[in-house]
Structures are given as structure tokens and as C-alpha cells.
N, C-alpha and C. Protein backbone atom coordinates (compact mmCIF):
# COMPACT_ATOMS: atom_id res chain seq x y z
N UNK A 1 79.48 -2.95 -16.58
CA UNK A 1 78.94 -1.75 -16.63
C UNK A 1 77.67 -2.00 -17.98
N UNK A 2 76.70 -1.32 -17.75
CA UNK A 2 75.39 -1.25 -18.88
C UNK A 2 75.86 -0.43 -20.10
N UNK A 3 75.55 -0.64 -21.35
CA UNK A 3 75.72 0.11 -22.43
C UNK A 3 75.03 1.49 -22.14
N UNK A 4 75.16 2.80 -22.29
CA UNK A 4 74.63 3.67 -22.12
C UNK A 4 74.85 4.36 -21.06
N UNK A 5 75.57 3.82 -20.04
CA UNK A 5 76.22 4.28 -18.76
C UNK A 5 76.92 5.56 -18.52
N UNK A 6 76.69 6.35 -17.79
CA UNK A 6 77.64 7.66 -17.94
C UNK A 6 78.36 7.45 -16.75
N UNK A 7 79.67 7.74 -17.48
CA UNK A 7 80.71 7.78 -16.22
C UNK A 7 81.09 8.98 -15.36
N UNK A 8 81.38 8.73 -14.24
CA UNK A 8 81.46 10.16 -13.34
C UNK A 8 83.00 10.07 -12.57
N UNK A 9 83.61 10.85 -12.70
CA UNK A 9 84.85 11.04 -12.15
C UNK A 9 85.07 11.76 -11.17
N UNK A 10 85.35 11.38 -9.86
CA UNK A 10 85.53 11.92 -8.57
C UNK A 10 86.71 12.23 -7.95
N UNK A 11 87.00 13.44 -7.29
CA UNK A 11 88.31 13.55 -6.60
C UNK A 11 87.45 14.06 -5.37
N UNK A 12 87.65 13.28 -4.29
CA UNK A 12 86.96 13.80 -3.08
C UNK A 12 88.23 13.73 -1.89
N UNK A 13 87.97 15.12 -1.02
CA UNK A 13 88.76 15.31 0.13
C UNK A 13 88.03 15.05 1.20
N UNK A 14 87.98 13.81 1.85
CA UNK A 14 86.97 13.40 2.86
C UNK A 14 87.63 13.46 4.44
N UNK A 15 87.13 14.07 5.19
CA UNK A 15 87.19 14.05 6.61
C UNK A 15 86.16 13.72 7.59
N UNK A 16 86.40 12.65 7.78
CA UNK A 16 85.13 11.93 9.00
C UNK A 16 85.81 12.32 10.29
N UNK A 17 85.03 13.03 10.88
CA UNK A 17 85.42 13.67 12.16
C UNK A 17 85.79 12.82 13.21
N UNK A 18 84.51 12.12 13.35
CA UNK A 18 84.31 11.13 14.48
C UNK A 18 84.92 9.86 14.29
N UNK A 19 85.33 9.29 13.33
CA UNK A 19 86.08 8.33 13.10
C UNK A 19 87.48 8.84 12.50
N UNK A 20 88.16 9.71 12.82
CA UNK A 20 89.43 10.19 12.73
C UNK A 20 90.09 9.63 11.24
N UNK A 21 89.05 9.67 10.58
CA UNK A 21 89.32 9.27 9.17
C UNK A 21 89.38 10.22 7.89
N UNK A 22 90.91 10.60 7.73
CA UNK A 22 90.97 11.75 6.43
C UNK A 22 91.82 10.95 5.57
N UNK A 23 91.20 11.03 3.97
CA UNK A 23 91.68 10.49 2.58
C UNK A 23 91.32 11.31 1.86
N UNK A 24 92.18 10.97 0.92
CA UNK A 24 91.85 11.62 -0.80
C UNK A 24 91.60 10.58 -1.62
N UNK A 25 90.21 10.25 -1.72
CA UNK A 25 89.84 9.42 -2.99
C UNK A 25 89.63 9.86 -4.38
N UNK A 26 90.12 9.13 -4.98
CA UNK A 26 89.73 8.98 -6.78
C UNK A 26 88.87 7.94 -7.00
N UNK A 27 87.52 8.19 -7.20
CA UNK A 27 86.73 7.32 -7.84
C UNK A 27 86.10 7.29 -9.29
N UNK A 28 85.78 6.46 -9.77
CA UNK A 28 84.93 6.18 -11.10
C UNK A 28 83.74 5.52 -10.80
N UNK A 29 82.90 6.28 -11.37
CA UNK A 29 81.31 5.81 -10.88
C UNK A 29 80.63 5.67 -12.22
N UNK A 30 79.94 4.47 -12.35
CA UNK A 30 79.02 4.50 -13.46
C UNK A 30 77.46 4.57 -12.99
N UNK A 31 77.04 5.56 -13.79
CA UNK A 31 75.38 5.50 -13.45
C UNK A 31 74.71 5.05 -14.38
N UNK A 32 73.94 3.67 -14.04
CA UNK A 32 73.14 2.89 -15.10
C UNK A 32 72.10 3.70 -15.67
N UNK A 33 71.86 3.74 -16.75
CA UNK A 33 71.02 4.37 -17.50
C UNK A 33 69.52 4.46 -16.92
N UNK A 34 69.00 3.75 -15.91
CA UNK A 34 68.10 3.59 -15.29
C UNK A 34 68.37 4.35 -13.72
N UNK A 35 69.29 4.54 -13.66
CA UNK A 35 69.40 5.27 -12.07
C UNK A 35 69.53 6.61 -12.20
N UNK A 36 68.76 7.15 -11.28
CA UNK A 36 68.35 8.69 -11.29
C UNK A 36 69.95 9.00 -10.71
N UNK A 37 70.13 10.56 -11.06
CA UNK A 37 71.13 11.32 -10.40
C UNK A 37 71.10 11.54 -8.76
N UNK A 38 69.95 11.37 -8.15
CA UNK A 38 69.91 11.33 -7.06
C UNK A 38 70.47 10.07 -5.89
N UNK A 39 70.19 9.10 -6.82
CA UNK A 39 70.36 7.91 -6.25
C UNK A 39 72.00 7.52 -6.21
N UNK A 40 72.46 8.11 -7.80
CA UNK A 40 73.70 7.98 -7.89
C UNK A 40 74.75 9.36 -6.68
N UNK A 41 74.23 9.86 -6.47
CA UNK A 41 74.99 10.93 -5.37
C UNK A 41 74.59 10.55 -4.07
N UNK A 42 73.75 9.44 -3.82
CA UNK A 42 73.59 8.89 -2.46
C UNK A 42 74.60 7.69 -2.16
N UNK A 43 74.96 7.07 -3.13
CA UNK A 43 75.94 5.90 -3.39
C UNK A 43 77.08 6.54 -2.98
N UNK A 44 77.59 7.81 -3.57
CA UNK A 44 78.71 8.31 -3.74
C UNK A 44 78.85 8.75 -1.91
N UNK A 45 77.93 9.36 -1.57
CA UNK A 45 78.09 9.67 -0.22
C UNK A 45 78.04 8.48 0.98
N UNK A 46 77.43 7.53 0.52
CA UNK A 46 77.57 6.65 1.56
C UNK A 46 78.81 5.75 1.12
N UNK A 47 79.12 5.68 0.18
CA UNK A 47 80.91 5.58 0.15
C UNK A 47 81.79 5.98 1.04
N UNK A 48 81.29 7.45 1.15
CA UNK A 48 82.53 8.42 1.98
C UNK A 48 81.83 8.01 3.27
N UNK A 49 80.74 7.79 4.08
CA UNK A 49 80.21 7.54 4.85
C UNK A 49 81.11 6.26 5.67
N UNK A 50 81.10 5.49 4.91
CA UNK A 50 81.84 3.85 5.02
C UNK A 50 83.23 3.70 4.61
N UNK A 51 83.86 5.08 4.04
CA UNK A 51 85.22 4.79 3.55
C UNK A 51 85.97 3.79 4.45
N UNK A 52 87.05 2.99 3.82
CA UNK A 52 87.85 1.95 4.58
C UNK A 52 88.34 1.31 3.44
N UNK A 53 89.71 0.47 3.90
CA UNK A 53 90.24 -0.30 2.89
C UNK A 53 89.42 -1.22 2.57
N UNK A 54 89.55 -1.66 0.82
CA UNK A 54 89.04 -2.45 0.12
C UNK A 54 87.39 -2.34 -0.15
N UNK A 55 87.15 -1.31 0.12
CA UNK A 55 85.64 -0.73 -0.08
C UNK A 55 85.87 -0.58 -1.65
N UNK A 56 84.41 -1.16 -2.33
CA UNK A 56 84.33 -0.67 -3.70
C UNK A 56 83.10 -1.14 -4.16
N UNK A 57 82.81 -0.17 -5.07
CA UNK A 57 81.35 0.03 -5.86
C UNK A 57 81.16 -1.24 -6.34
N UNK A 58 80.27 -1.93 -6.83
CA UNK A 58 79.94 -3.32 -7.36
C UNK A 58 79.47 -2.97 -8.93
N UNK A 59 79.22 -3.56 -9.27
CA UNK A 59 78.50 -3.33 -10.78
C UNK A 59 77.07 -2.97 -10.58
N UNK A 60 76.49 -2.75 -9.41
CA UNK A 60 75.22 -2.10 -9.16
C UNK A 60 73.94 -2.66 -9.74
N UNK A 61 73.19 -1.82 -10.45
CA UNK A 61 71.74 -2.36 -10.93
C UNK A 61 72.00 -3.14 -11.73
N UNK A 62 73.42 -3.32 -12.72
CA UNK A 62 73.14 -4.50 -13.61
C UNK A 62 73.28 -5.78 -12.91
N UNK A 63 74.03 -5.94 -11.60
CA UNK A 63 74.21 -7.65 -10.82
C UNK A 63 73.17 -7.48 -9.86
N UNK A 64 71.92 -8.04 -9.88
CA UNK A 64 71.05 -7.95 -8.82
C UNK A 64 71.49 -8.88 -7.71
N UNK A 65 72.35 -9.86 -7.98
CA UNK A 65 73.19 -10.37 -6.58
C UNK A 65 73.95 -9.94 -5.69
N UNK A 66 74.33 -8.48 -6.18
CA UNK A 66 75.41 -7.79 -5.51
C UNK A 66 74.80 -6.36 -4.82
N UNK A 67 75.19 -6.27 -3.86
CA UNK A 67 75.10 -4.85 -3.10
C UNK A 67 75.30 -3.78 -4.23
N UNK A 68 75.56 -2.57 -3.71
CA UNK A 68 75.82 -1.19 -4.39
C UNK A 68 77.19 -0.95 -3.93
N UNK A 69 77.63 -1.56 -2.93
CA UNK A 69 78.92 -1.26 -2.27
C UNK A 69 79.42 -2.24 -1.33
N UNK A 70 80.53 -3.07 -1.44
CA UNK A 70 81.01 -3.79 -0.78
C UNK A 70 82.50 -3.89 0.03
N UNK A 71 82.96 -4.53 0.78
CA UNK A 71 84.18 -4.63 1.18
C UNK A 71 84.36 -6.12 1.65
N UNK A 72 85.52 -6.56 0.91
CA UNK A 72 86.23 -7.81 1.20
C UNK A 72 87.48 -8.10 2.12
N UNK A 73 87.73 -8.92 2.69
CA UNK A 73 88.58 -9.28 3.43
C UNK A 73 89.88 -9.42 2.20
N UNK A 74 91.03 -9.87 2.51
CA UNK A 74 92.25 -10.07 1.79
C UNK A 74 91.91 -11.67 1.41
N UNK A 75 91.27 -12.41 2.39
CA UNK A 75 91.12 -13.73 2.07
C UNK A 75 89.66 -14.19 0.92
N UNK A 76 89.10 -12.85 0.95
CA UNK A 76 87.93 -12.90 0.26
C UNK A 76 86.62 -13.15 0.85
N UNK A 77 86.68 -13.06 1.98
CA UNK A 77 85.35 -13.25 3.01
C UNK A 77 84.62 -11.69 2.47
N UNK A 78 83.47 -11.87 2.56
CA UNK A 78 82.82 -10.73 2.55
C UNK A 78 82.14 -9.96 3.66
N UNK A 79 83.11 -8.70 4.11
CA UNK A 79 82.84 -8.27 5.47
C UNK A 79 81.83 -7.01 5.66
N UNK A 80 81.71 -6.51 4.47
CA UNK A 80 80.75 -5.16 4.25
C UNK A 80 79.53 -5.20 2.92
N UNK A 81 78.07 -5.14 3.14
CA UNK A 81 77.32 -5.34 2.36
C UNK A 81 76.43 -4.22 2.43
N UNK A 82 76.56 -3.41 1.37
CA UNK A 82 75.64 -2.08 1.44
C UNK A 82 74.74 -1.93 0.29
N UNK A 83 73.56 -2.04 0.72
CA UNK A 83 72.43 -1.66 -0.38
C UNK A 83 71.64 -0.24 -0.32
N UNK A 84 71.61 0.69 -1.20
CA UNK A 84 71.01 2.03 -1.23
C UNK A 84 69.80 1.65 -1.57
N UNK A 85 68.42 2.16 -0.92
CA UNK A 85 67.28 2.13 -1.84
C UNK A 85 66.41 1.54 -0.65
N UNK A 86 65.26 0.62 -0.93
CA UNK A 86 64.64 0.33 -0.39
C UNK A 86 64.14 -1.36 -0.53
N UNK A 87 65.41 -2.23 -0.46
CA UNK A 87 65.44 -3.51 -0.75
C UNK A 87 64.26 -4.48 0.21
N UNK A 88 64.29 -5.65 -0.37
CA UNK A 88 63.08 -6.38 0.04
C UNK A 88 63.83 -7.32 1.47
N UNK A 89 62.81 -7.55 2.45
CA UNK A 89 63.50 -8.47 3.52
C UNK A 89 64.12 -9.69 3.23
N UNK A 90 63.83 -10.01 1.97
CA UNK A 90 64.57 -11.08 1.87
C UNK A 90 65.53 -11.27 1.34
N UNK A 91 66.02 -9.96 0.49
CA UNK A 91 67.21 -9.78 -0.07
C UNK A 91 68.42 -9.21 1.42
N UNK A 92 67.44 -9.10 2.39
CA UNK A 92 68.43 -8.26 3.13
C UNK A 92 68.94 -9.49 4.31
N UNK A 93 67.96 -10.56 4.47
CA UNK A 93 67.85 -11.87 5.35
C UNK A 93 69.28 -12.58 4.64
N UNK A 94 69.21 -12.71 3.03
CA UNK A 94 70.45 -13.06 2.23
C UNK A 94 71.78 -12.61 2.75
N UNK A 95 71.51 -11.54 2.53
CA UNK A 95 72.98 -10.60 2.82
C UNK A 95 73.38 -10.70 4.05
N UNK A 96 72.62 -10.95 5.35
CA UNK A 96 73.26 -11.05 6.78
C UNK A 96 73.41 -12.60 6.77
N UNK A 97 73.20 -13.53 5.99
CA UNK A 97 73.88 -14.71 6.13
C UNK A 97 75.27 -14.68 5.19
N UNK A 98 75.23 -13.65 4.32
CA UNK A 98 76.79 -14.08 3.53
C UNK A 98 78.01 -13.12 4.29
N UNK A 99 77.26 -12.15 4.72
CA UNK A 99 78.36 -10.80 5.24
C UNK A 99 78.57 -10.52 6.63
N UNK A 100 79.47 -10.35 7.11
CA UNK A 100 79.65 -10.18 8.56
C UNK A 100 78.90 -8.82 8.90
N UNK A 101 78.62 -7.64 7.88
CA UNK A 101 78.05 -6.45 8.47
C UNK A 101 76.91 -6.09 7.14
N UNK A 102 76.17 -5.82 7.41
CA UNK A 102 74.79 -5.37 6.59
C UNK A 102 74.44 -3.96 6.86
N UNK A 103 74.22 -2.86 5.90
CA UNK A 103 73.83 -1.72 6.14
C UNK A 103 72.96 -1.09 4.89
N UNK A 104 71.82 -0.52 5.04
CA UNK A 104 70.69 -0.19 4.03
C UNK A 104 70.58 0.94 4.34
N UNK A 105 70.92 1.97 3.38
CA UNK A 105 70.68 3.49 3.26
C UNK A 105 69.47 3.84 2.28
N UNK A 106 68.31 4.28 2.97
CA UNK A 106 67.03 4.45 2.25
C UNK A 106 67.06 6.06 2.22
N UNK A 107 66.62 6.43 0.81
CA UNK A 107 66.82 8.05 0.58
C UNK A 107 65.44 8.49 -0.02
N UNK A 108 64.53 7.97 -0.71
CA UNK A 108 63.29 8.67 -1.63
C UNK A 108 62.16 8.77 -0.82
N UNK A 109 61.32 9.41 -1.31
CA UNK A 109 59.66 9.42 -0.76
C UNK A 109 59.10 8.22 -0.61
N UNK A 110 59.43 7.23 -0.96
CA UNK A 110 58.99 5.73 -0.62
C UNK A 110 59.35 5.21 0.76
N UNK A 111 61.03 5.77 1.00
CA UNK A 111 61.39 5.60 2.50
C UNK A 111 60.75 5.08 3.77
N UNK A 112 59.63 6.24 3.89
CA UNK A 112 58.82 5.85 4.94
C UNK A 112 58.00 4.87 5.11
N UNK A 113 57.18 4.96 4.06
CA UNK A 113 56.35 3.79 4.50
C UNK A 113 56.94 2.35 3.93
N UNK A 114 57.90 2.26 3.61
CA UNK A 114 58.86 0.96 2.90
C UNK A 114 59.23 0.77 4.56
N UNK A 115 59.91 1.38 5.44
CA UNK A 115 60.18 1.36 6.59
C UNK A 115 59.05 0.86 7.64
N UNK A 116 57.97 1.49 7.40
CA UNK A 116 56.96 1.13 8.30
C UNK A 116 56.22 -0.29 7.95
N UNK A 117 56.17 -0.67 6.77
CA UNK A 117 55.93 -1.95 6.72
C UNK A 117 56.40 -3.13 6.95
N UNK A 118 57.85 -2.90 6.88
CA UNK A 118 58.92 -4.01 7.02
C UNK A 118 59.71 -3.71 8.43
N UNK A 119 59.43 -2.86 9.54
CA UNK A 119 60.09 -2.77 10.44
C UNK A 119 60.18 -4.03 11.36
N UNK A 120 59.26 -4.83 11.47
CA UNK A 120 59.22 -5.80 12.52
C UNK A 120 59.97 -7.20 12.08
N UNK A 121 59.67 -7.07 10.62
CA UNK A 121 60.68 -8.33 9.97
C UNK A 121 62.33 -7.81 9.96
N UNK A 122 62.80 -6.56 9.72
CA UNK A 122 63.93 -6.05 9.72
C UNK A 122 64.33 -6.33 11.18
N UNK A 123 63.93 -5.97 12.04
CA UNK A 123 64.45 -5.98 13.35
C UNK A 123 64.96 -7.60 13.63
N UNK A 124 64.29 -8.54 13.17
CA UNK A 124 65.06 -10.08 13.36
C UNK A 124 65.92 -9.92 12.61
N UNK A 125 66.51 -9.36 11.91
CA UNK A 125 67.76 -9.31 11.10
C UNK A 125 68.98 -8.77 11.82
N UNK A 126 70.07 -9.33 11.40
CA UNK A 126 71.51 -8.60 11.93
C UNK A 126 71.38 -7.47 10.82
N UNK A 127 71.07 -6.35 10.63
CA UNK A 127 71.47 -5.24 9.62
C UNK A 127 71.29 -4.09 10.06
N UNK A 128 71.87 -3.03 9.97
CA UNK A 128 71.79 -1.56 10.05
C UNK A 128 71.15 -0.76 9.15
N UNK A 129 69.97 0.03 9.66
CA UNK A 129 69.19 0.61 8.64
C UNK A 129 69.30 2.18 8.80
N UNK A 130 69.78 3.00 7.84
CA UNK A 130 69.33 4.40 7.95
C UNK A 130 68.34 4.99 6.76
N UNK A 131 68.27 6.19 7.19
CA UNK A 131 67.49 7.07 6.26
C UNK A 131 67.78 8.73 6.12
N UNK A 132 68.12 8.94 4.73
CA UNK A 132 68.45 10.31 4.35
C UNK A 132 67.03 11.05 4.22
N UNK A 133 67.04 12.26 4.49
CA UNK A 133 65.91 13.04 4.30
C UNK A 133 65.97 13.30 2.67
N UNK A 134 64.91 13.25 1.92
CA UNK A 134 64.83 13.35 0.47
C UNK A 134 64.77 14.79 0.37
N UNK A 135 64.69 16.03 0.86
CA UNK A 135 64.96 17.20 0.06
C UNK A 135 66.45 17.68 0.24
N UNK A 136 67.36 17.22 1.39
CA UNK A 136 68.73 17.51 1.15
C UNK A 136 69.28 15.99 0.15
N UNK A 137 68.86 15.24 0.03
CA UNK A 137 69.36 14.46 -1.40
C UNK A 137 68.98 15.16 -2.41
N UNK A 138 68.07 15.72 -2.91
CA UNK A 138 67.51 16.60 -3.80
C UNK A 138 68.44 17.83 -4.03
N UNK A 139 68.71 18.54 -3.13
CA UNK A 139 70.09 19.55 -2.96
C UNK A 139 71.18 18.92 -3.49
N UNK A 140 71.63 17.63 -2.83
CA UNK A 140 72.83 17.08 -3.12
C UNK A 140 73.05 16.78 -4.76
N UNK A 141 71.89 16.53 -5.07
CA UNK A 141 71.92 16.02 -6.56
C UNK A 141 72.35 17.24 -7.76
N UNK A 142 71.82 18.60 -7.09
CA UNK A 142 71.86 19.80 -8.19
C UNK A 142 73.76 20.03 -7.80
N UNK A 143 74.45 19.60 -7.03
CA UNK A 143 75.60 19.77 -7.23
C UNK A 143 76.51 18.50 -8.07
N UNK A 144 75.69 17.72 -9.05
CA UNK A 144 76.37 16.69 -9.92
C UNK A 144 76.83 17.64 -11.26
N UNK A 145 78.21 16.89 -11.36
CA UNK A 145 78.88 16.98 -12.78
C UNK A 145 79.61 15.87 -12.93
N UNK A 146 79.92 15.82 -14.45
CA UNK A 146 80.39 14.51 -15.04
C UNK A 146 81.94 14.06 -14.30
N UNK A 147 82.52 15.57 -13.98
CA UNK A 147 83.76 15.65 -13.24
C UNK A 147 83.71 16.34 -12.03
N UNK A 148 83.77 15.78 -10.62
CA UNK A 148 83.74 16.67 -10.10
C UNK A 148 84.80 16.64 -8.71
N UNK A 149 84.93 17.99 -7.97
CA UNK A 149 86.04 17.81 -7.03
C UNK A 149 85.07 18.15 -5.74
N UNK A 150 84.82 17.32 -5.06
CA UNK A 150 84.39 17.59 -3.69
C UNK A 150 84.87 17.62 -2.52
N UNK A 151 84.16 18.00 -1.24
CA UNK A 151 84.81 18.18 0.06
C UNK A 151 83.81 17.61 0.59
N UNK A 152 84.20 16.46 1.48
CA UNK A 152 82.96 16.12 2.13
C UNK A 152 83.37 15.62 3.76
N UNK A 153 82.99 16.51 4.51
CA UNK A 153 83.34 16.68 5.98
C UNK A 153 82.00 15.93 6.64
N UNK A 154 82.54 14.55 7.49
CA UNK A 154 81.27 14.08 8.09
C UNK A 154 81.68 14.03 9.45
N UNK A 155 80.31 14.71 10.52
CA UNK A 155 80.54 14.46 11.73
C UNK A 155 78.94 13.96 12.29
N UNK A 156 79.10 13.44 13.34
CA UNK A 156 77.81 12.90 13.69
C UNK A 156 76.88 12.18 12.28
N UNK A 157 75.67 12.51 12.47
CA UNK A 157 74.94 12.10 11.39
C UNK A 157 74.90 13.23 10.54
N UNK A 158 75.69 13.77 9.99
CA UNK A 158 75.47 14.98 9.04
C UNK A 158 76.92 14.77 7.95
N UNK A 159 76.67 14.89 6.93
CA UNK A 159 77.81 15.33 6.03
C UNK A 159 77.90 16.78 5.17
N UNK A 160 78.54 17.25 5.12
CA UNK A 160 78.45 19.09 4.56
C UNK A 160 79.39 18.39 3.25
N UNK A 161 78.81 18.85 2.30
CA UNK A 161 79.49 18.51 0.70
C UNK A 161 79.91 19.75 0.17
N UNK A 162 80.85 20.39 -0.07
CA UNK A 162 81.33 21.64 -1.09
C UNK A 162 81.73 20.85 -2.39
N UNK A 163 81.16 21.19 -3.38
CA UNK A 163 81.78 21.47 -4.82
C UNK A 163 81.81 23.02 -5.34
N UNK A 164 82.53 23.07 -6.39
CA UNK A 164 82.44 24.40 -7.25
C UNK A 164 80.99 24.90 -7.57
N UNK A 165 79.89 23.91 -7.80
CA UNK A 165 78.78 24.78 -7.82
C UNK A 165 78.28 25.11 -6.50
N UNK A 166 78.49 24.76 -5.50
CA UNK A 166 77.68 25.10 -4.16
C UNK A 166 78.19 23.99 -3.14
N UNK A 167 77.02 24.40 -2.11
CA UNK A 167 77.47 23.28 -1.05
C UNK A 167 76.21 22.98 -0.60
N UNK A 168 76.00 21.87 0.51
CA UNK A 168 74.66 21.28 0.99
C UNK A 168 74.86 20.57 2.19
N UNK A 169 74.26 20.23 3.31
CA UNK A 169 74.40 19.27 4.17
C UNK A 169 73.03 18.40 4.29
N UNK A 170 73.79 17.22 4.29
CA UNK A 170 72.62 16.13 4.07
C UNK A 170 72.94 15.03 5.22
N UNK A 171 72.01 15.13 6.33
CA UNK A 171 71.70 14.50 7.39
C UNK A 171 70.99 12.94 6.86
N UNK A 172 70.94 12.48 8.11
CA UNK A 172 70.31 10.85 8.30
C UNK A 172 70.24 10.55 9.75
N UNK A 173 69.10 9.49 9.73
CA UNK A 173 68.53 9.34 10.96
C UNK A 173 68.88 7.64 10.75
N UNK A 174 69.09 7.37 11.81
CA UNK A 174 69.27 5.89 12.15
C UNK A 174 68.02 4.91 12.64
N UNK A 175 67.61 4.14 11.99
CA UNK A 175 66.21 3.31 12.07
C UNK A 175 66.39 1.85 12.55
N UNK A 176 67.73 1.89 12.88
CA UNK A 176 68.09 0.37 13.18
C UNK A 176 69.84 0.20 13.43
N UNK A 177 70.39 -0.31 14.56
CA UNK A 177 71.61 -0.58 14.63
C UNK A 177 71.41 -1.73 15.22
């Protein structure tokens, strides 16, 4: 964790209707000094969307050779690599060689041009790509508190997030599976 990181403590009541996955998560998330609130909230939401055994946050922006979130098998195999943002084709190519499954979630204003410029090269890789709508991510960021209790309900390609500060719906589109 970088010095100057903010620590966020979360208690999440998770209901993923389609996967029939229900859980209560207690998470501690470090927000790197250069990380926006929007990006940190996307990481939290992506963690919920992919919740499973052995899923964990990595060192994030402090460790350039690691994804934002990953899952390992009990014998140490890298099962899942998740990047948040707009990674390079080379980074995803490397990830797809070392992980059984690779997912990328883009979310900001650069997302559409990034995808358009790289779509053909990404099509050759074994990776899944998703895009959040920027306006809904901005709404999600307004719910941020250093200590939060969230209720997250996922159905289809939408998540409904509720906190004591309010609620919002975040939808995403699948770019490539």
C-alpha cells in the first residue's frame, strides 16, 4: 500500500440473482493517492460482480505487474485476472497467457475511443471486455464514504447499489466474451 493511501472499510450485503450467489462481504480497500473515487468504486463493484472463493484485491496501482483483482486456486494457479480501466493490448495478451480467465472493465470517458482503437487486436485474445456507463459511475461515486454499508443486487447487466447516502443503478455492456 502506498503511503498516503486512504483506507475504506466496507460491509456489503450481496445478492447476485442470476448466479444464485448471496453473501455478506467485509472488505478493506486501499485507495491509491492517484486513484479517483470513481475508479475505486468501480473496483468494489467489479469485485461484487465477480464474487467467488479466493477472490482478492491486489496491491493495485502500486504493482504494475498485477491486475486490480485476482483469484488463485488452492495450488497457486492464477484462475482470474481482472483489470479496471483501459489497459494496453500487450498487458491483456500477457494476462491471457498466465491466467485461465481474463476480464477487463472500462468505465470512463476514454473507454469508447480506447475500445474502437483496439477492438480488432483484442478480438484475437482470450479475454472478456465490459464497459460501464460513465454517468452511472459518477452517480456511484457520490455514495462514497470511508466506512460504508452497501446493499448490492445484481441481475442481468445491472447492479443496484444502496447506501445510507442514497442509491443508484449501474449498468454495463458486454463488448467481447
